[in-house]
Amino acid sequence: MIAAFFVILLFSAVFHEYMHGWAADQMGDPTARQLGRLTLNPAAHIDPFMTLLLPAALFFASGGRFMFAAAKPVPFNPYNLKYPKYGPALVGLAGPAGNLALALFFALIVRFVPLPLAFAGVATIVVYANVLLAIFNLVPIPPLDGSHVLFALLPPHYDHIAQFLRQYGMFLFLIFILFFVNLITPIIFWLAHILLGQAGFLVLLQTLLAA
């Protein structure tokens, strides 16, 4: 089940990045398409650190309680977007929105389609993995997607905050990963519970405990 969770997380992260590229392409920036990143082929999105080393390190550091993986970020040119101010925020939101849509789709399957317990367990893991990706990426720290939303909403007289986050974002990101990631865990489980319902959420907990 641990291996299944990693594979699900990998493909969900690939879908996440694809949605970024798709949103940018729809708003007039062909960068992702021109670079061959507008694809669901995992080979185009795998990053040695974010996709492979980071999840392994988080898994062992947390004693198996937490794992997160990300694909290689899809590049986009904000100057090509139809909406210069809010375009980057919309591109940033497209990834988490895609994950939430995928989570909702599988949650509806769990709720309304009679599945063998093993298949239901895998489906709940898909829901959990995509909710995890969506919530985690909405944290407003570069390079996470929430930073694009924050930068678009910050008034001009708070530009110094944006500059600070851009300059020290990776350092703050590592601090968050190491010491504060548990702050979002209750939100992830709460949303998974909302989507799956009580019965589906119990299946998810049983599946996670079995792993």
C-alpha atoms as a PDB file:
ATOM      1  CA  MET A   1       0.000   0.000   0.000  1.00  0.00           C
ATOM      2  CA  ILE A   2       2.948   2.332   0.644  1.00  0.00           C
ATOM      3  CA  ALA A   3       4.159   1.697  -2.897  1.00  0.00           C
ATOM      4  CA  ALA A   4       0.630   2.253  -4.218  1.00  0.00           C
ATOM      5  CA  PHE A   5       0.394   5.536  -2.309  1.00  0.00           C
ATOM      6  CA  PHE A   6       3.692   6.723  -3.815  1.00  0.00           C
ATOM      7  CA  VAL A   7       2.578   5.817  -7.356  1.00  0.00           C
ATOM      8  CA  ILE A   8      -0.770   7.567  -6.836  1.00  0.00           C
ATOM      9  CA  LEU A   9       1.016  10.610  -5.423  1.00  0.00           C
ATOM     10  CA  LEU A  10       3.372  10.652  -8.419  1.00  0.00           C
ATOM     11  CA  PHE A  11       0.623  10.564 -11.026  1.00  0.00           C
ATOM     12  CA  SER A  12      -1.436  13.099  -9.072  1.00  0.00           C
ATOM     13  CA  ALA A  13       1.566  15.452  -9.012  1.00  0.00           C
ATOM     14  CA  VAL A  14       1.983  14.987 -12.778  1.00  0.00           C
ATOM     15  CA  PHE A  15      -1.700  15.855 -13.283  1.00  0.00           C
ATOM     16  CA  HIS A  16      -1.180  18.881 -11.036  1.00  0.00           C
ATOM     17  CA  GLU A  17       1.633  20.197 -13.229  1.00  0.00           C
ATOM     18  CA  TYR A  18      -0.280  19.411 -16.406  1.00  0.00           C
ATOM     19  CA  MET A  19      -3.124  21.611 -15.143  1.00  0.00           C
ATOM     20  CA  HIS A  20      -0.697  24.501 -14.643  1.00  0.00           C
ATOM     21  CA  GLY A  21       0.474  24.167 -18.229  1.00  0.00           C
ATOM     22  CA  TRP A  22      -3.060  23.789 -19.552  1.00  0.00           C
ATOM     23  CA  ALA A  23      -4.253  26.918 -17.730  1.00  0.00           C
ATOM     24  CA  ALA A  24      -1.310  28.975 -18.983  1.00  0.00           C
ATOM     25  CA  ASP A  25      -1.874  27.695 -22.530  1.00  0.00           C
ATOM     26  CA  GLN A  26      -5.559  28.630 -22.343  1.00  0.00           C
ATOM     27  CA  MET A  27      -4.590  32.157 -21.305  1.00  0.00           C
ATOM     28  CA  GLY A  28      -2.199  32.656 -24.193  1.00  0.00           C
ATOM     29  CA  ASP A  29       1.167  31.343 -23.009  1.00  0.00           C
ATOM     30  CA  PRO A  30       2.413  28.382 -25.102  1.00  0.00           C
ATOM     31  CA  THR A  31       5.639  27.877 -23.094  1.00  0.00           C
ATOM     32  CA  ALA A  32       4.636  24.527 -21.559  1.00  0.00           C
ATOM     33  CA  ARG A  33       3.389  23.191 -24.904  1.00  0.00           C
ATOM     34  CA  GLN A  34       6.535  24.298 -26.721  1.00  0.00           C
ATOM     35  CA  LEU A  35       8.737  22.622 -24.112  1.00  0.00           C
ATOM     36  CA  GLY A  36       6.814  19.341 -24.312  1.00  0.00           C
ATOM     37  CA  ARG A  37       5.412  19.719 -20.789  1.00  0.00           C
ATOM     38  CA  LEU A  38       1.740  19.813 -21.772  1.00  0.00           C
ATOM     39  CA  THR A  39       1.498  16.059 -21.379  1.00  0.00           C
ATOM     40  CA  LEU A  40       0.469  13.489 -18.780  1.00  0.00           C
ATOM     41  CA  ASN A  41       3.580  11.414 -19.500  1.00  0.00           C
ATOM     42  CA  PRO A  42       5.395  11.185 -16.115  1.00  0.00           C
ATOM     43  CA  ALA A  43       8.796  11.133 -17.843  1.00  0.00           C
ATOM     44  CA  ALA A  44       8.344  14.785 -18.828  1.00  0.00           C
ATOM     45  CA  HIS A  45       7.653  15.887 -15.251  1.00  0.00           C
ATOM     46  CA  ILE A  46       9.842  13.797 -12.921  1.00  0.00           C
ATOM     47  CA  ASP A  47      12.315  15.782 -10.828  1.00  0.00           C
ATOM     48  CA  PRO A  48      15.056  13.761  -9.066  1.00  0.00           C
ATOM     49  CA  PHE A  49      14.735  15.706  -5.802  1.00  0.00           C
ATOM     50  CA  MET A  50      11.050  16.692  -5.549  1.00  0.00           C
ATOM     51  CA  THR A  51       9.648  13.467  -7.046  1.00  0.00           C
ATOM     52  CA  LEU A  52      12.010  10.837  -5.663  1.00  0.00           C
ATOM     53  CA  LEU A  53      14.346  11.981  -2.870  1.00  0.00           C
ATOM     54  CA  LEU A  54      11.958  14.330  -1.028  1.00  0.00           C
ATOM     55  CA  PRO A  55       9.120  11.815  -0.502  1.00  0.00           C
ATOM     56  CA  ALA A  56      11.584   9.159   0.657  1.00  0.00           C
ATOM     57  CA  ALA A  57      13.231  11.594   3.086  1.00  0.00           C
ATOM     58  CA  LEU A  58       9.872  12.805   4.456  1.00  0.00           C
ATOM     59  CA  PHE A  59       8.610   9.255   4.853  1.00  0.00           C
ATOM     60  CA  PHE A  60      11.593   8.133   6.910  1.00  0.00           C
ATOM     61  CA  ALA A  61      11.943  11.415   8.841  1.00  0.00           C
ATOM     62  CA  SER A  62       8.292  11.303   9.911  1.00  0.00           C
ATOM     63  CA  GLY A  63       8.382   7.621  10.813  1.00  0.00           C
ATOM     64  CA  GLY A  64       5.997   6.830   7.961  1.00  0.00           C
ATOM     65  CA  ARG A  65       3.399   9.414   9.015  1.00  0.00           C
ATOM     66  CA  PHE A  66       3.850  11.868   6.138  1.00  0.00           C
ATOM     67  CA  MET A  67       4.872  11.724   2.508  1.00  0.00           C
ATOM     68  CA  PHE A  68       4.762  14.437  -0.126  1.00  0.00           C
ATOM     69  CA  ALA A  69       5.996  14.415  -3.707  1.00  0.00           C
ATOM     70  CA  ALA A  70       5.998  17.028  -6.422  1.00  0.00           C
ATOM     71  CA  ALA A  71       6.736  16.995 -10.114  1.00  0.00           C
ATOM     72  CA  LYS A  72       9.083  19.383 -11.881  1.00  0.00           C
ATOM     73  CA  PRO A  73       7.346  22.792 -12.047  1.00  0.00           C
ATOM     74  CA  VAL A  74       5.867  23.645 -15.439  1.00  0.00           C
ATOM     75  CA  PRO A  75       7.359  26.950 -16.638  1.00  0.00           C
ATOM     76  CA  PHE A  76       5.172  29.769 -17.892  1.00  0.00           C
ATOM     77  CA  ASN A  77       5.771  33.324 -19.052  1.00  0.00           C
ATOM     78  CA  PRO A  78       3.511  35.727 -17.137  1.00  0.00           C
ATOM     79  CA  TYR A  79       3.984  38.392 -19.825  1.00  0.00           C
ATOM     80  CA  ASN A  80       2.188  36.187 -22.345  1.00  0.00           C
ATOM     81  CA  LEU A  81      -0.928  35.770 -20.195  1.00  0.00           C
ATOM     82  CA  LYS A  82      -4.144  37.595 -21.062  1.00  0.00           C
ATOM     83  CA  TYR A  83      -4.496  38.828 -17.496  1.00  0.00           C
ATOM     84  CA  PRO A  84      -1.098  40.243 -16.411  1.00  0.00           C
ATOM     85  CA  LYS A  85      -2.046  40.887 -12.768  1.00  0.00           C
ATOM     86  CA  TYR A  86      -4.144  37.843 -11.914  1.00  0.00           C
ATOM     87  CA  GLY A  87      -2.974  35.442 -14.633  1.00  0.00           C
ATOM     88  CA  PRO A  88      -0.138  33.942 -12.537  1.00  0.00           C
ATOM     89  CA  ALA A  89      -2.577  33.411  -9.653  1.00  0.00           C
ATOM     90  CA  LEU A  90      -5.013  31.605 -11.966  1.00  0.00           C
ATOM     91  CA  VAL A  91      -2.189  29.425 -13.295  1.00  0.00           C
ATOM     92  CA  GLY A  92      -1.158  28.718  -9.710  1.00  0.00           C
ATOM     93  CA  LEU A  93      -4.696  27.794  -8.674  1.00  0.00           C
ATOM     94  CA  ALA A  94      -5.179  25.467 -11.655  1.00  0.00           C
ATOM     95  CA  GLY A  95      -2.979  22.753 -10.127  1.00  0.00           C
ATOM     96  CA  PRO A  96      -4.766  22.513  -6.758  1.00  0.00           C
ATOM     97  CA  ALA A  97      -8.136  22.877  -8.518  1.00  0.00           C
ATOM     98  CA  GLY A  98      -7.275  19.916 -10.743  1.00  0.00           C
ATOM     99  CA  ASN A  99      -6.315  17.840  -7.709  1.00  0.00           C
ATOM    100  CA  LEU A 100      -9.549  18.727  -5.918  1.00  0.00           C
ATOM    101  CA  ALA A 101     -11.570  17.812  -9.016  1.00  0.00           C
ATOM    102  CA  LEU A 102      -9.787  14.441  -9.167  1.00  0.00           C
ATOM    103  CA  ALA A 103     -10.395  13.919  -5.438  1.00  0.00           C
ATOM    104  CA  LEU A 104     -14.093  14.724  -5.855  1.00  0.00           C
ATOM    105  CA  PHE A 105     -14.411  12.302  -8.793  1.00  0.00           C
ATOM    106  CA  PHE A 106     -12.944   9.378  -6.837  1.00  0.00           C
ATOM    107  CA  ALA A 107     -14.856  10.344  -3.703  1.00  0.00           C
ATOM    108  CA  LEU A 108     -18.114  10.078  -5.654  1.00  0.00           C
ATOM    109  CA  ILE A 109     -17.050   6.616  -6.843  1.00  0.00           C
ATOM    110  CA  VAL A 110     -16.375   5.550  -3.241  1.00  0.00           C
ATOM    111  CA  ARG A 111     -19.713   6.944  -2.077  1.00  0.00           C
ATOM    112  CA  PHE A 112     -21.985   5.613  -4.833  1.00  0.00           C
ATOM    113  CA  VAL A 113     -20.290   2.655  -6.540  1.00  0.00           C
ATOM    114  CA  PRO A 114     -20.128  -0.681  -4.655  1.00  0.00           C
ATOM    115  CA  LEU A 115     -16.453  -1.653  -4.701  1.00  0.00           C
ATOM    116  CA  PRO A 116     -14.493  -4.528  -3.173  1.00  0.00           C
ATOM    117  CA  LEU A 117     -12.733  -3.308  -0.030  1.00  0.00           C
ATOM    118  CA  ALA A 118      -9.276  -3.359  -1.628  1.00  0.00           C
ATOM    119  CA  PHE A 119     -10.410  -1.209  -4.592  1.00  0.00           C
ATOM    120  CA  ALA A 120     -12.290   1.128  -2.257  1.00  0.00           C
ATOM    121  CA  GLY A 121      -9.103   1.500  -0.213  1.00  0.00           C
ATOM    122  CA  VAL A 122      -7.089   2.473  -3.280  1.00  0.00           C
ATOM    123  CA  ALA A 123      -9.794   4.951  -4.350  1.00  0.00           C
ATOM    124  CA  THR A 124      -9.736   6.596  -0.914  1.00  0.00           C
ATOM    125  CA  ILE A 125      -5.952   6.910  -1.184  1.00  0.00           C
ATOM    126  CA  VAL A 126      -6.440   8.738  -4.501  1.00  0.00           C
ATOM    127  CA  VAL A 127      -8.774  11.144  -2.700  1.00  0.00           C
ATOM    128  CA  TYR A 128      -6.344  11.615   0.182  1.00  0.00           C
ATOM    129  CA  ALA A 129      -3.290  12.101  -2.071  1.00  0.00           C
ATOM    130  CA  ASN A 130      -5.009  14.723  -4.198  1.00  0.00           C
ATOM    131  CA  VAL A 131      -6.407  16.609  -1.202  1.00  0.00           C
ATOM    132  CA  LEU A 132      -2.895  16.547   0.303  1.00  0.00           C
ATOM    133  CA  LEU A 133      -1.394  17.988  -2.888  1.00  0.00           C
ATOM    134  CA  ALA A 134      -4.072  20.662  -3.182  1.00  0.00           C
ATOM    135  CA  ILE A 135      -3.845  21.886   0.418  1.00  0.00           C
ATOM    136  CA  PHE A 136      -0.060  21.664   0.612  1.00  0.00           C
ATOM    137  CA  ASN A 137       0.423  23.635  -2.590  1.00  0.00           C
ATOM    138  CA  LEU A 138      -1.892  26.409  -1.403  1.00  0.00           C
ATOM    139  CA  VAL A 139       0.541  27.306   1.386  1.00  0.00           C
ATOM    140  CA  PRO A 140       1.727  30.829   0.391  1.00  0.00           C
ATOM    141  CA  ILE A 141       5.455  30.115   0.395  1.00  0.00           C
ATOM    142  CA  PRO A 142       7.521  30.011  -2.826  1.00  0.00           C
ATOM    143  CA  PRO A 143       7.826  27.792  -4.767  1.00  0.00           C
ATOM    144  CA  LEU A 144       4.323  26.589  -3.803  1.00  0.00           C
ATOM    145  CA  ASP A 145       1.275  27.715  -5.775  1.00  0.00           C
ATOM    146  CA  GLY A 146      -0.184  29.700  -2.903  1.00  0.00           C
ATOM    147  CA  SER A 147       2.641  32.224  -3.305  1.00  0.00           C
ATOM    148  CA  HIS A 148       1.358  33.179  -6.796  1.00  0.00           C
ATOM    149  CA  VAL A 149      -2.064  33.856  -5.319  1.00  0.00           C
ATOM    150  CA  LEU A 150      -0.565  35.868  -2.459  1.00  0.00           C
ATOM    151  CA  PHE A 151       1.582  37.989  -4.802  1.00  0.00           C
ATOM    152  CA  ALA A 152      -1.446  38.786  -6.981  1.00  0.00           C
ATOM    153  CA  LEU A 153      -3.537  39.875  -3.995  1.00  0.00           C
ATOM    154  CA  LEU A 154      -0.888  41.859  -2.093  1.00  0.00           C
ATOM    155  CA  PRO A 155      -1.395  45.646  -2.362  1.00  0.00           C
ATOM    156  CA  PRO A 156       1.553  47.526  -3.936  1.00  0.00           C
ATOM    157  CA  HIS A 157       2.712  48.935  -0.584  1.00  0.00           C
ATOM    158  CA  TYR A 158       3.382  45.357   0.579  1.00  0.00           C
ATOM    159  CA  ASP A 159       5.808  44.594  -2.237  1.00  0.00           C
ATOM    160  CA  HIS A 160       8.597  44.224   0.312  1.00  0.00           C
ATOM    161  CA  ILE A 161       6.834  41.094   1.627  1.00  0.00           C
ATOM    162  CA  ALA A 162       6.752  39.593  -1.860  1.00  0.00           C
ATOM    163  CA  GLN A 163      10.429  40.430  -2.361  1.00  0.00           C
ATOM    164  CA  PHE A 164      11.335  38.824   0.967  1.00  0.00           C
ATOM    165  CA  LEU A 165       9.400  35.648   0.115  1.00  0.00           C
ATOM    166  CA  ARG A 166      10.968  35.428  -3.339  1.00  0.00           C
ATOM    167  CA  GLN A 167      14.448  35.855  -1.893  1.00  0.00           C
ATOM    168  CA  TYR A 168      14.116  33.454   1.039  1.00  0.00           C
ATOM    169  CA  GLY A 169      11.270  31.266  -0.211  1.00  0.00           C
ATOM    170  CA  MET A 170      13.238  28.036  -0.506  1.00  0.00           C
ATOM    171  CA  PHE A 171      14.682  28.462   2.977  1.00  0.00           C
ATOM    172  CA  LEU A 172      11.208  29.106   4.429  1.00  0.00           C
ATOM    173  CA  PHE A 173       9.864  26.147   2.451  1.00  0.00           C
ATOM    174  CA  LEU A 174      12.417  23.798   4.026  1.00  0.00           C
ATOM    175  CA  ILE A 175      11.615  25.136   7.509  1.00  0.00           C
ATOM    176  CA  PHE A 176       7.925  24.560   6.868  1.00  0.00           C
ATOM    177  CA  ILE A 177       8.574  21.012   5.641  1.00  0.00           C
ATOM    178  CA  LEU A 178      10.734  20.153   8.638  1.00  0.00           C
ATOM    179  CA  PHE A 179       8.820  21.804  11.480  1.00  0.00           C
ATOM    180  CA  PHE A 180       5.352  23.039  10.523  1.00  0.00           C
ATOM    181  CA  VAL A 181       3.885  20.638   7.981  1.00  0.00           C
ATOM    182  CA  ASN A 182       1.722  19.048  10.688  1.00  0.00           C
ATOM    183  CA  LEU A 183      -0.255  22.302  10.868  1.00  0.00           C
ATOM    184  CA  ILE A 184      -2.028  21.438   7.617  1.00  0.00           C
ATOM    185  CA  THR A 185      -2.623  17.751   8.425  1.00  0.00           C
ATOM    186  CA  PRO A 186      -5.956  18.395  10.222  1.00  0.00           C
ATOM    187  CA  ILE A 187      -7.185  20.404   7.217  1.00  0.00           C
ATOM    188  CA  ILE A 188      -6.256  17.565   4.848  1.00  0.00           C
ATOM    189  CA  PHE A 189      -8.099  14.959   6.912  1.00  0.00           C
ATOM    190  CA  TRP A 190     -11.097  17.278   7.447  1.00  0.00           C
ATOM    191  CA  LEU A 191     -11.520  17.843   3.705  1.00  0.00           C
ATOM    192  CA  ALA A 192     -11.002  14.149   2.918  1.00  0.00           C
ATOM    193  CA  HIS A 193     -13.705  13.378   5.501  1.00  0.00           C
ATOM    194  CA  ILE A 194     -16.082  15.881   3.872  1.00  0.00           C
ATOM    195  CA  LEU A 195     -15.534  14.382   0.411  1.00  0.00           C
ATOM    196  CA  LEU A 196     -15.616  10.702   1.375  1.00  0.00           C
ATOM    197  CA  GLY A 197     -18.316  10.764   4.039  1.00  0.00           C
ATOM    198  CA  GLN A 198     -18.094   8.815   7.272  1.00  0.00           C
ATOM    199  CA  ALA A 199     -18.000   5.329   5.730  1.00  0.00           C
ATOM    200  CA  GLY A 200     -15.431   6.223   3.083  1.00  0.00           C
ATOM    201  CA  PHE A 201     -13.282   8.060   5.613  1.00  0.00           C
ATOM    202  CA  LEU A 202     -13.206   4.978   7.839  1.00  0.00           C
ATOM    203  CA  VAL A 203     -12.006   2.949   4.837  1.00  0.00           C
ATOM    204  CA  LEU A 204      -9.281   5.544   4.294  1.00  0.00           C
ATOM    205  CA  LEU A 205      -8.134   5.348   7.915  1.00  0.00           C
ATOM    206  CA  GLN A 206      -8.100   1.533   7.814  1.00  0.00           C
ATOM    207  CA  THR A 207      -6.085   1.645   4.592  1.00  0.00           C
ATOM    208  CA  LEU A 208      -3.572   4.131   5.995  1.00  0.00           C
ATOM    209  CA  LEU A 209      -3.186   2.139   9.215  1.00  0.00           C
ATOM    210  CA  ALA A 210      -2.671  -1.048   7.204  1.00  0.00           C
ATOM    211  CA  ALA A 211       0.146   0.688   5.320  1.00  0.00           C
END
